[in-house]
PDB file of N, CA and C in Angstrom:
ATOM      1  N   MET A   1       9.359  -2.457  -6.675  1.00  0.00           N
ATOM      2  CA  MET A   1       8.248  -2.497  -6.226  1.00  0.00           C
ATOM      3  C   MET A   1       7.827  -1.327  -6.684  1.00  0.00           C
ATOM      4  N   ILE A   2       8.217  -0.169  -6.097  1.00  0.00           N
ATOM      5  CA  ILE A   2       8.222   1.123  -6.321  1.00  0.00           C
ATOM      6  C   ILE A   2       9.392   1.603  -7.143  1.00  0.00           C
ATOM      7  N   ASP A   3       8.967   2.334  -8.099  1.00  0.00           N
ATOM      8  CA  ASP A   3       9.924   3.013  -8.632  1.00  0.00           C
ATOM      9  C   ASP A   3       9.593   4.801  -7.999  1.00  0.00           C
ATOM     10  N   LYS A   4      10.722   5.226  -6.888  1.00  0.00           N
ATOM     11  CA  LYS A   4      10.328   6.456  -6.530  1.00  0.00           C
ATOM     12  C   LYS A   4       9.916   7.477  -7.251  1.00  0.00           C
ATOM     13  N   ARG A   5      10.362   7.625  -8.544  1.00  0.00           N
ATOM     14  CA  ARG A   5      10.075   8.369  -9.436  1.00  0.00           C
ATOM     15  C   ARG A   5       8.533   8.313 -10.249  1.00  0.00           C
ATOM     16  N   LEU A   6       8.281   7.519 -10.187  1.00  0.00           N
ATOM     17  CA  LEU A   6       6.849   7.054 -10.377  1.00  0.00           C
ATOM     18  C   LEU A   6       5.812   8.482  -9.493  1.00  0.00           C
ATOM     19  N   VAL A   7       6.334   8.366  -8.095  1.00  0.00           N
ATOM     20  CA  VAL A   7       5.213   9.281  -7.085  1.00  0.00           C
ATOM     21  C   VAL A   7       5.866  10.232  -6.590  1.00  0.00           C
ATOM     22  N   PRO A   8       5.487  11.767  -7.062  1.00  0.00           N
ATOM     23  CA  PRO A   8       5.900  12.397  -6.824  1.00  0.00           C
ATOM     24  C   PRO A   8       5.892  13.007  -5.283  1.00  0.00           C
ATOM     25  N   VAL A   9       6.760  12.958  -4.808  1.00  0.00           N
ATOM     26  CA  VAL A   9       6.703  13.465  -3.301  1.00  0.00           C
ATOM     27  C   VAL A   9       5.259  14.419  -2.809  1.00  0.00           C
ATOM     28  N   GLY A  10       5.584  15.435  -3.754  1.00  0.00           N
ATOM     29  CA  GLY A  10       4.555  16.979  -3.005  1.00  0.00           C
ATOM     30  C   GLY A  10       3.120  16.294  -3.418  1.00  0.00           C
ATOM     31  N   GLY A  11       3.119  15.345  -4.800  1.00  0.00           N
ATOM     32  CA  GLY A  11       1.911  15.007  -5.624  1.00  0.00           C
ATOM     33  C   GLY A  11       1.214  14.461  -4.424  1.00  0.00           C
ATOM     34  N   LEU A  12       1.728  13.877  -2.940  1.00  0.00           N
ATOM     35  CA  LEU A  12       0.659  12.968  -2.289  1.00  0.00           C
ATOM     36  C   LEU A  12      -0.118  13.686  -1.343  1.00  0.00           C
ATOM     37  N   LYS A  13       0.405  15.201  -1.232  1.00  0.00           N
ATOM     38  CA  LYS A  13      -0.538  16.534  -0.632  1.00  0.00           C
ATOM     39  C   LYS A  13      -1.968  16.451  -1.688  1.00  0.00           C
ATOM     40  N   LYS A  14      -2.000  16.354  -2.813  1.00  0.00           N
ATOM     41  CA  LYS A  14      -2.911  16.525  -3.409  1.00  0.00           C
ATOM     42  C   LYS A  14      -3.603  15.035  -3.965  1.00  0.00           C
ATOM     43  N   GLU A  15      -3.116  14.004  -4.211  1.00  0.00           N
ATOM     44  CA  GLU A  15      -3.660  12.698  -4.659  1.00  0.00           C
ATOM     45  C   GLU A  15      -3.195  11.735  -3.973  1.00  0.00           C
ATOM     46  N   PRO A  16      -3.941  10.435  -3.659  1.00  0.00           N
ATOM     47  CA  PRO A  16      -3.700   9.015  -3.039  1.00  0.00           C
ATOM     48  C   PRO A  16      -2.773   8.798  -4.328  1.00  0.00           C
ATOM     49  N   PHE A  17      -2.273   7.705  -4.173  1.00  0.00           N
ATOM     50  CA  PHE A  17      -1.303   6.721  -4.698  1.00  0.00           C
ATOM     51  C   PHE A  17      -1.474   5.197  -4.619  1.00  0.00           C
ATOM     52  N   SER A  18      -1.678   4.545  -5.131  1.00  0.00           N
ATOM     53  CA  SER A  18      -2.282   3.099  -5.134  1.00  0.00           C
ATOM     54  C   SER A  18      -1.373   2.117  -6.461  1.00  0.00           C
ATOM     55  N   GLY A  19      -0.985   0.886  -6.135  1.00  0.00           N
ATOM     56  CA  GLY A  19      -0.951  -0.202  -6.416  1.00  0.00           C
ATOM     57  C   GLY A  19      -0.781  -1.669  -5.981  1.00  0.00           C
ATOM     58  N   SER A  20       0.036  -2.038  -6.698  1.00  0.00           N
ATOM     59  CA  SER A  20       0.201  -3.615  -5.864  1.00  0.00           C
ATOM     60  C   SER A  20       1.233  -3.909  -6.536  1.00  0.00           C
ATOM     61  N   HIS A  21       1.717  -5.195  -5.784  1.00  0.00           N
ATOM     62  CA  HIS A  21       2.769  -6.404  -6.166  1.00  0.00           C
ATOM     63  C   HIS A  21       2.621  -7.493  -5.588  1.00  0.00           C
ATOM     64  N   HIS A  22       2.481  -8.318  -6.496  1.00  0.00           N
ATOM     65  CA  HIS A  22       2.093  -9.908  -6.270  1.00  0.00           C
ATOM     66  C   HIS A  22       1.018 -10.521  -5.033  1.00  0.00           C
ATOM     67  N   GLY A  23      -0.278  -9.678  -5.131  1.00  0.00           N
ATOM     68  CA  GLY A  23      -0.839 -10.021  -3.994  1.00  0.00           C
ATOM     69  C   GLY A  23      -1.079  -8.942  -2.774  1.00  0.00           C
ATOM     70  N   MET A  24      -0.182  -8.282  -2.835  1.00  0.00           N
ATOM     71  CA  MET A  24       0.197  -6.975  -1.440  1.00  0.00           C
ATOM     72  C   MET A  24      -0.291  -5.881  -2.264  1.00  0.00           C
ATOM     73  N   ARG A  25      -0.961  -5.282  -2.008  1.00  0.00           N
ATOM     74  CA  ARG A  25      -1.936  -3.529  -2.648  1.00  0.00           C
ATOM     75  C   ARG A  25      -1.604  -3.006  -1.533  1.00  0.00           C
ATOM     76  N   TYR A  26      -1.147  -1.339  -1.809  1.00  0.00           N
ATOM     77  CA  TYR A  26      -0.584  -0.757  -1.551  1.00  0.00           C
ATOM     78  C   TYR A  26      -1.341   0.828  -1.801  1.00  0.00           C
ATOM     79  N   PHE A  27      -1.651   1.461  -1.006  1.00  0.00           N
ATOM     80  CA  PHE A  27      -2.209   2.972  -0.585  1.00  0.00           C
ATOM     81  C   PHE A  27      -1.505   4.041   0.160  1.00  0.00           C
ATOM     82  N   MET A  28      -1.493   4.697  -0.371  1.00  0.00           N
ATOM     83  CA  MET A  28      -0.743   6.269   0.039  1.00  0.00           C
ATOM     84  C   MET A  28      -1.328   7.333  -0.040  1.00  0.00           C
ATOM     85  N   CYS A  29      -1.633   8.463   1.016  1.00  0.00           N
ATOM     86  CA  CYS A  29      -2.209   9.160   1.192  1.00  0.00           C
ATOM     87  C   CYS A  29      -2.035  10.215   2.316  1.00  0.00           C
ATOM     88  N   ALA A  30      -2.069  11.492   2.206  1.00  0.00           N
ATOM     89  CA  ALA A  30      -1.617  12.453   3.166  1.00  0.00           C
ATOM     90  C   ALA A  30      -2.606  12.723   4.080  1.00  0.00           C
ATOM     91  N   ASP A  31      -2.026  13.174   5.473  1.00  0.00           N
ATOM     92  CA  ASP A  31      -2.837  12.999   6.688  1.00  0.00           C
ATOM     93  C   ASP A  31      -3.820  14.224   6.336  1.00  0.00           C
ATOM     94  N   GLU A  32      -4.467  14.610   7.504  1.00  0.00           N
ATOM     95  CA  GLU A  32      -5.610  15.851   7.373  1.00  0.00           C
ATOM     96  C   GLU A  32      -4.369  17.140   7.377  1.00  0.00           C
ATOM     97  N   ALA A  33      -2.965  17.118   7.841  1.00  0.00           N
ATOM     98  CA  ALA A  33      -2.572  18.477   8.033  1.00  0.00           C
ATOM     99  C   ALA A  33      -1.092  18.536   6.999  1.00  0.00           C
ATOM    100  N   LYS A  34      -1.598  17.721   5.763  1.00  0.00           N
ATOM    101  CA  LYS A  34      -0.407  17.552   4.909  1.00  0.00           C
ATOM    102  C   LYS A  34       0.938  17.572   5.273  1.00  0.00           C
ATOM    103  N   GLU A  35       1.125  17.205   6.478  1.00  0.00           N
ATOM    104  CA  GLU A  35       2.748  16.972   6.385  1.00  0.00           C
ATOM    105  C   GLU A  35       3.260  15.683   6.207  1.00  0.00           C
ATOM    106  N   ASN A  36       2.499  14.652   6.729  1.00  0.00           N
ATOM    107  CA  ASN A  36       2.875  13.085   6.792  1.00  0.00           C
ATOM    108  C   ASN A  36       2.093  12.636   5.295  1.00  0.00           C
ATOM    109  N   PHE A  37       2.353  11.335   5.079  1.00  0.00           N
ATOM    110  CA  PHE A  37       1.394  10.574   4.330  1.00  0.00           C
ATOM    111  C   PHE A  37       1.438   9.118   5.396  1.00  0.00           C
ATOM    112  N   ILE A  38       0.569   8.443   4.874  1.00  0.00           N
ATOM    113  CA  ILE A  38      -0.288   7.419   5.209  1.00  0.00           C
ATOM    114  C   ILE A  38       0.243   6.192   4.292  1.00  0.00           C
ATOM    115  N   THR A  39       0.643   5.198   4.521  1.00  0.00           N
ATOM    116  CA  THR A  39       1.034   4.461   3.695  1.00  0.00           C
ATOM    117  C   THR A  39       0.484   2.839   4.272  1.00  0.00           C
ATOM    118  N   TYR A  40      -0.534   2.412   3.788  1.00  0.00           N
ATOM    119  CA  TYR A  40      -1.206   1.092   3.731  1.00  0.00           C
ATOM    120  C   TYR A  40      -1.120  -0.162   3.137  1.00  0.00           C
ATOM    121  N   ILE A  41      -0.944  -1.217   3.929  1.00  0.00           N
ATOM    122  CA  ILE A  41      -0.959  -2.534   2.654  1.00  0.00           C
ATOM    123  C   ILE A  41      -2.182  -3.294   3.006  1.00  0.00           C
ATOM    124  N   TYR A  42      -2.620  -4.205   2.415  1.00  0.00           N
ATOM    125  CA  TYR A  42      -3.447  -4.957   2.428  1.00  0.00           C
ATOM    126  C   TYR A  42      -3.872  -6.106   1.129  1.00  0.00           C
ATOM    127  N   PRO A  43      -4.431  -7.213   1.688  1.00  0.00           N
ATOM    128  CA  PRO A  43      -4.323  -7.862   0.541  1.00  0.00           C
ATOM    129  C   PRO A  43      -5.366  -8.088  -0.656  1.00  0.00           C
ATOM    130  N   GLU A  44      -5.148  -8.898  -1.983  1.00  0.00           N
ATOM    131  CA  GLU A  44      -5.910  -8.695  -2.802  1.00  0.00           C
ATOM    132  C   GLU A  44      -7.581  -9.420  -2.714  1.00  0.00           C
ATOM    133  N   PRO A  45      -8.368  -9.178  -3.028  1.00  0.00           N
ATOM    134  CA  PRO A  45      -8.533  -8.502  -4.415  1.00  0.00           C
ATOM    135  C   PRO A  45      -9.376  -7.554  -4.107  1.00  0.00           C
ATOM    136  N   TRP A  46      -9.828  -6.856  -2.970  1.00  0.00           N
ATOM    137  CA  TRP A  46     -10.480  -5.260  -2.976  1.00  0.00           C
ATOM    138  C   TRP A  46      -9.685  -4.325  -3.205  1.00  0.00           C
ATOM    139  N   SER A  47     -10.593  -3.176  -3.188  1.00  0.00           N
ATOM    140  CA  SER A  47     -10.152  -1.698  -3.581  1.00  0.00           C
ATOM    141  C   SER A  47      -9.871  -1.488  -1.936  1.00  0.00           C
ATOM    142  N   PHE A  48      -8.988  -0.183  -1.706  1.00  0.00           N
ATOM    143  CA  PHE A  48      -8.789  -0.044  -0.137  1.00  0.00           C
ATOM    144  C   PHE A  48     -10.328   0.458   0.141  1.00  0.00           C
ATOM    145  N   GLU A  49     -11.133   0.675  -0.230  1.00  0.00           N
ATOM    146  CA  GLU A  49     -12.533   1.374   0.378  1.00  0.00           C
ATOM    147  C   GLU A  49     -13.179  -0.005   0.884  1.00  0.00           C
ATOM    148  N   LYS A  50     -13.131  -0.956  -0.004  1.00  0.00           N
ATOM    149  CA  LYS A  50     -13.944  -2.984   0.206  1.00  0.00           C
ATOM    150  C   LYS A  50     -13.093  -3.178   1.350  1.00  0.00           C
ATOM    151  N   THR A  51     -12.085  -3.512   1.536  1.00  0.00           N
ATOM    152  CA  THR A  51     -11.424  -3.988   2.176  1.00  0.00           C
ATOM    153  C   THR A  51     -11.690  -3.741   3.623  1.00  0.00           C
ATOM    154  N   PRO A  52     -11.698  -4.626   4.622  1.00  0.00           N
ATOM    155  CA  PRO A  52     -12.159  -4.728   5.995  1.00  0.00           C
ATOM    156  C   PRO A  52     -11.231  -3.954   6.603  1.00  0.00           C
ATOM    157  N   GLU A  53     -11.205  -2.708   7.637  1.00  0.00           N
ATOM    158  CA  GLU A  53      -9.986  -2.657   8.489  1.00  0.00           C
ATOM    159  C   GLU A  53      -9.421  -3.503   9.273  1.00  0.00           C
ATOM    160  N   GLU A  54      -9.653  -4.630   9.648  1.00  0.00           N
ATOM    161  CA  GLU A  54      -8.520  -5.322  10.072  1.00  0.00           C
ATOM    162  C   GLU A  54      -7.791  -6.088   9.282  1.00  0.00           C
ATOM    163  N   GLU A  55      -7.959  -5.983   7.842  1.00  0.00           N
ATOM    164  CA  GLU A  55      -6.852  -6.681   7.339  1.00  0.00           C
ATOM    165  C   GLU A  55      -5.906  -5.486   6.682  1.00  0.00           C
ATOM    166  N   LYS A  56      -6.184  -4.305   7.232  1.00  0.00           N
ATOM    167  CA  LYS A  56      -5.072  -3.216   6.586  1.00  0.00           C
ATOM    168  C   LYS A  56      -3.994  -2.579   7.716  1.00  0.00           C
ATOM    169  N   THR A  57      -2.871  -2.436   7.333  1.00  0.00           N
ATOM    170  CA  THR A  57      -1.974  -2.269   8.344  1.00  0.00           C
ATOM    171  C   THR A  57      -1.000  -0.965   7.659  1.00  0.00           C
ATOM    172  N   SER A  58      -0.735  -0.219   8.369  1.00  0.00           N
ATOM    173  CA  SER A  58      -0.552   1.465   8.246  1.00  0.00           C
ATOM    174  C   SER A  58       0.545   1.540   9.004  1.00  0.00           C
ATOM    175  N   ALA A  59       1.657   2.521   8.396  1.00  0.00           N
ATOM    176  CA  ALA A  59       2.974   3.183   8.600  1.00  0.00           C
ATOM    177  C   ALA A  59       2.648   4.660   8.121  1.00  0.00           C
ATOM    178  N   THR A  60       3.107   5.443   8.895  1.00  0.00           N
ATOM    179  CA  THR A  60       3.085   7.409   8.524  1.00  0.00           C
ATOM    180  C   THR A  60       4.691   7.425   8.913  1.00  0.00           C
ATOM    181  N   PHE A  61       4.966   8.359   7.333  1.00  0.00           N
ATOM    182  CA  PHE A  61       6.300   8.582   7.213  1.00  0.00           C
ATOM    183  C   PHE A  61       6.125  10.622   6.699  1.00  0.00           C
ATOM    184  N   PRO A  62       6.967  11.190   6.822  1.00  0.00           N
ATOM    185  CA  PRO A  62       6.774  12.586   6.564  1.00  0.00           C
ATOM    186  C   PRO A  62       6.895  12.785   4.959  1.00  0.00           C
ATOM    187  N   ILE A  63       6.253  14.111   4.761  1.00  0.00           N
ATOM    188  CA  ILE A  63       6.234  13.932   3.178  1.00  0.00           C
ATOM    189  C   ILE A  63       7.741  14.658   2.825  1.00  0.00           C
ATOM    190  N   THR A  64       8.711  13.760   2.604  1.00  0.00           N
ATOM    191  CA  THR A  64       9.822  14.533   2.209  1.00  0.00           C
ATOM    192  C   THR A  64      10.346  13.236   1.189  1.00  0.00           C
ATOM    193  N   GLU A  65      11.619  13.397   0.552  1.00  0.00           N
ATOM    194  CA  GLU A  65      12.061  12.297   0.072  1.00  0.00           C
ATOM    195  C   GLU A  65      12.657  11.226   0.559  1.00  0.00           C
ATOM    196  N   GLU A  66      13.076  11.775   1.911  1.00  0.00           N
ATOM    197  CA  GLU A  66      13.623  10.727   3.121  1.00  0.00           C
ATOM    198  C   GLU A  66      12.547   9.956   3.568  1.00  0.00           C
ATOM    199  N   GLY A  67      11.248  10.666   3.682  1.00  0.00           N
ATOM    200  CA  GLY A  67      10.181   9.746   3.883  1.00  0.00           C
ATOM    201  C   GLY A  67       9.427   8.405   2.691  1.00  0.00           C
ATOM    202  N   MET A  68       9.603   8.828   1.593  1.00  0.00           N
ATOM    203  CA  MET A  68       9.307   8.165   0.752  1.00  0.00           C
ATOM    204  C   MET A  68      10.587   7.194   0.454  1.00  0.00           C
ATOM    205  N   ASP A  69      11.698   7.625   0.519  1.00  0.00           N
ATOM    206  CA  ASP A  69      12.343   6.041   0.524  1.00  0.00           C
ATOM    207  C   ASP A  69      12.075   4.915   1.820  1.00  0.00           C
ATOM    208  N   ASP A  70      12.014   5.669   3.195  1.00  0.00           N
ATOM    209  CA  ASP A  70      11.320   4.806   4.422  1.00  0.00           C
ATOM    210  C   ASP A  70      10.206   3.985   3.947  1.00  0.00           C
ATOM    211  N   ALA A  71       9.393   5.073   3.232  1.00  0.00           N
ATOM    212  CA  ALA A  71       7.678   4.154   2.716  1.00  0.00           C
ATOM    213  C   ALA A  71       8.345   2.694   1.868  1.00  0.00           C
ATOM    214  N   ILE A  72       8.793   3.071   0.833  1.00  0.00           N
ATOM    215  CA  ILE A  72       9.375   1.793  -0.002  1.00  0.00           C
ATOM    216  C   ILE A  72      10.269   1.064   0.716  1.00  0.00           C
ATOM    217  N   ALA A  73      11.259   1.032   1.736  1.00  0.00           N
ATOM    218  CA  ALA A  73      11.691  -0.039   2.131  1.00  0.00           C
ATOM    219  C   ALA A  73      10.823  -0.539   3.209  1.00  0.00           C
ATOM    220  N   TRP A  74       9.932   0.288   3.562  1.00  0.00           N
ATOM    221  CA  TRP A  74       8.627  -0.363   4.469  1.00  0.00           C
ATOM    222  C   TRP A  74       7.985  -1.583   3.934  1.00  0.00           C
ATOM    223  N   LEU A  75       7.647  -0.954   2.632  1.00  0.00           N
ATOM    224  CA  LEU A  75       6.711  -1.956   1.706  1.00  0.00           C
ATOM    225  C   LEU A  75       7.406  -3.134   1.158  1.00  0.00           C
ATOM    226  N   LEU A  76       8.590  -2.580   1.208  1.00  0.00           N
ATOM    227  CA  LEU A  76       9.421  -4.106   0.477  1.00  0.00           C
ATOM    228  C   LEU A  76       9.804  -5.290   2.028  1.00  0.00           C
ATOM    229  N   GLU A  77      10.038  -4.502   2.854  1.00  0.00           N
ATOM    230  CA  GLU A  77      10.137  -5.308   4.292  1.00  0.00           C
ATOM    231  C   GLU A  77       9.040  -6.100   4.594  1.00  0.00           C
ATOM    232  N   GLN A  78       7.633  -5.122   4.171  1.00  0.00           N
ATOM    233  CA  GLN A  78       6.000  -6.046   4.858  1.00  0.00           C
ATOM    234  C   GLN A  78       6.209  -6.966   4.036  1.00  0.00           C
ATOM    235  N   TYR A  79       6.195  -6.692   2.461  1.00  0.00           N
ATOM    236  CA  TYR A  79       6.359  -8.018   1.366  1.00  0.00           C
ATOM    237  C   TYR A  79       7.338  -9.150   1.780  1.00  0.00           C
ATOM    238  N   GLU A  80       8.238  -8.907   1.627  1.00  0.00           N
ATOM    239  CA  GLU A  80       9.273 -10.233   2.243  1.00  0.00           C
ATOM    240  C   GLU A  80       8.698 -10.650   3.322  1.00  0.00           C
ATOM    241  N   SER A  81       8.574 -10.242   4.315  1.00  0.00           N
ATOM    242  CA  SER A  81       7.939 -11.191   6.119  1.00  0.00           C
ATOM    243  C   SER A  81       6.641 -11.855   6.061  1.00  0.00           C
ATOM    244  N   GLN A  82       5.744 -11.337   4.792  1.00  0.00           N
ATOM    245  CA  GLN A  82       4.809 -12.127   4.413  1.00  0.00           C
ATOM    246  C   GLN A  82       4.358 -12.295   3.217  1.00  0.00           C
ATOM    247  N   LYS A  83       5.471 -12.741   2.455  1.00  0.00           N
ATOM    248  CA  LYS A  83       5.659 -13.401   1.257  1.00  0.00           C
ATOM    249  C   LYS A  83       4.684 -14.362   0.791  1.00  0.00           C
ATOM    250  N   GLU A  84       4.173 -14.956   2.026  1.00  0.00           N
ATOM    251  CA  GLU A  84       3.570 -16.128   1.315  1.00  0.00           C
ATOM    252  C   GLU A  84       2.058 -16.045   1.691  1.00  0.00           C
ATOM    253  N   LYS A  85       1.291 -14.679   2.574  1.00  0.00           N
ATOM    254  CA  LYS A  85       0.246 -14.191   2.302  1.00  0.00           C
ATOM    255  C   LYS A  85      -0.123 -13.833   1.460  1.00  0.00           C
ATOM    256  N   TRP A  86       0.861 -12.847   0.957  1.00  0.00           N
ATOM    257  CA  TRP A  86       0.517 -12.039  -0.328  1.00  0.00           C
ATOM    258  C   TRP A  86       0.443 -12.734  -1.565  1.00  0.00           C
ATOM    259  N   HIS A  87       1.044 -13.913  -1.728  1.00  0.00           N
ATOM    260  CA  HIS A  87       1.159 -14.658  -2.789  1.00  0.00           C
ATOM    261  C   HIS A  87      -0.338 -15.754  -2.838  1.00  0.00           C
ATOM    262  N   ALA A  88      -0.807 -15.993  -1.442  1.00  0.00           N
ATOM    263  CA  ALA A  88      -1.795 -16.718  -1.652  1.00  0.00           C
ATOM    264  C   ALA A  88      -3.323 -16.013  -2.030  1.00  0.00           C
ATOM    265  N   ALA A  89      -2.871 -14.448  -1.559  1.00  0.00           N
ATOM    266  CA  ALA A  89      -4.099 -13.565  -1.773  1.00  0.00           C
ATOM    267  C   ALA A  89      -4.017 -13.269  -3.092  1.00  0.00           C
ATOM    268  N   SER A  90      -3.003 -13.202  -3.720  1.00  0.00           N
ATOM    269  CA  SER A  90      -2.706 -13.270  -5.458  1.00  0.00           C
ATOM    270  C   SER A  90      -3.745 -14.546  -6.200  1.00  0.00           C
ATOM    271  N   GLU A  91      -2.879 -15.641  -5.553  1.00  0.00           N
ATOM    272  CA  GLU A  91      -3.549 -16.960  -6.283  1.00  0.00           C
ATOM    273  C   GLU A  91      -5.534 -17.022  -6.142  1.00  0.00           C
ATOM    274  N   ASN A  92      -5.573 -16.648  -4.784  1.00  0.00           N
ATOM    275  CA  ASN A  92      -6.899 -17.064  -4.684  1.00  0.00           C
ATOM    276  C   ASN A  92      -8.197 -16.259  -4.976  1.00  0.00           C
ATOM    277  N   CYS A  93      -7.674 -15.134  -5.450  1.00  0.00           N
ATOM    278  CA  CYS A  93      -8.387 -13.600  -5.556  1.00  0.00           C
ATOM    279  C   CYS A  93      -9.867 -13.829  -6.657  1.00  0.00           C
ATOM    280  N   MET A  94      -9.416 -14.482  -7.414  1.00  0.00           N
ATOM    281  CA  MET A  94     -10.702 -14.779  -8.544  1.00  0.00           C
ATOM    282  C   MET A  94     -11.818 -16.135  -7.764  1.00  0.00           C
ATOM    283  N   HIS A  95     -11.134 -16.824  -6.604  1.00  0.00           N
ATOM    284  CA  HIS A  95     -11.954 -17.749  -6.048  1.00  0.00           C
ATOM    285  C   HIS A  95     -12.840 -16.455  -5.050  1.00  0.00           C
ATOM    286  N   ILE A  96     -11.997 -15.515  -4.219  1.00  0.00           N
ATOM    287  CA  ILE A  96     -12.984 -14.744  -3.527  1.00  0.00           C
ATOM    288  C   ILE A  96     -13.972 -14.104  -4.329  1.00  0.00           C
ATOM    289  N   VAL A  97     -13.756 -13.483  -5.561  1.00  0.00           N
ATOM    290  CA  VAL A  97     -14.291 -12.814  -6.189  1.00  0.00           C
ATOM    291  C   VAL A  97     -15.495 -13.340  -6.678  1.00  0.00           C
ATOM    292  N   ASN A  98     -15.109 -14.669  -7.106  1.00  0.00           N
ATOM    293  CA  ASN A  98     -16.562 -15.560  -7.321  1.00  0.00           C
ATOM    294  C   ASN A  98     -17.523 -15.725  -6.393  1.00  0.00           C
ATOM    295  N   GLN A  99     -17.028 -15.493  -5.062  1.00  0.00           N
ATOM    296  CA  GLN A  99     -17.929 -16.282  -4.040  1.00  0.00           C
ATOM    297  C   GLN A  99     -19.103 -15.302  -3.279  1.00  0.00           C
ATOM    298  N   GLU A 100     -18.329 -14.120  -4.002  1.00  0.00           N
ATOM    299  CA  GLU A 100     -19.219 -12.620  -3.467  1.00  0.00           C
ATOM    300  C   GLU A 100     -20.736 -12.466  -4.141  1.00  0.00           C
TER     301      GLU A 100
END
């Protein structure tokens, strides 16, 4: 899903990181103290800012290599446990966009 080498852990202190995997979008950003990062997941098709809060789920991890490992494991767990939801979001995203 995510290659840890593509997300420099220290870089999260400066810039958010986002991506998607088969209908599940994710967004990572540092907290205000720059000690932890928050990882959000939400369904396609909208950006993080345009997705309603009630459709987002989050978890917090320390800004460390181990924290990144835990975040990636959490993302995989969330994807696997809700695979039908994410695939439906992916398949229906153009229908949702056309309705707006």
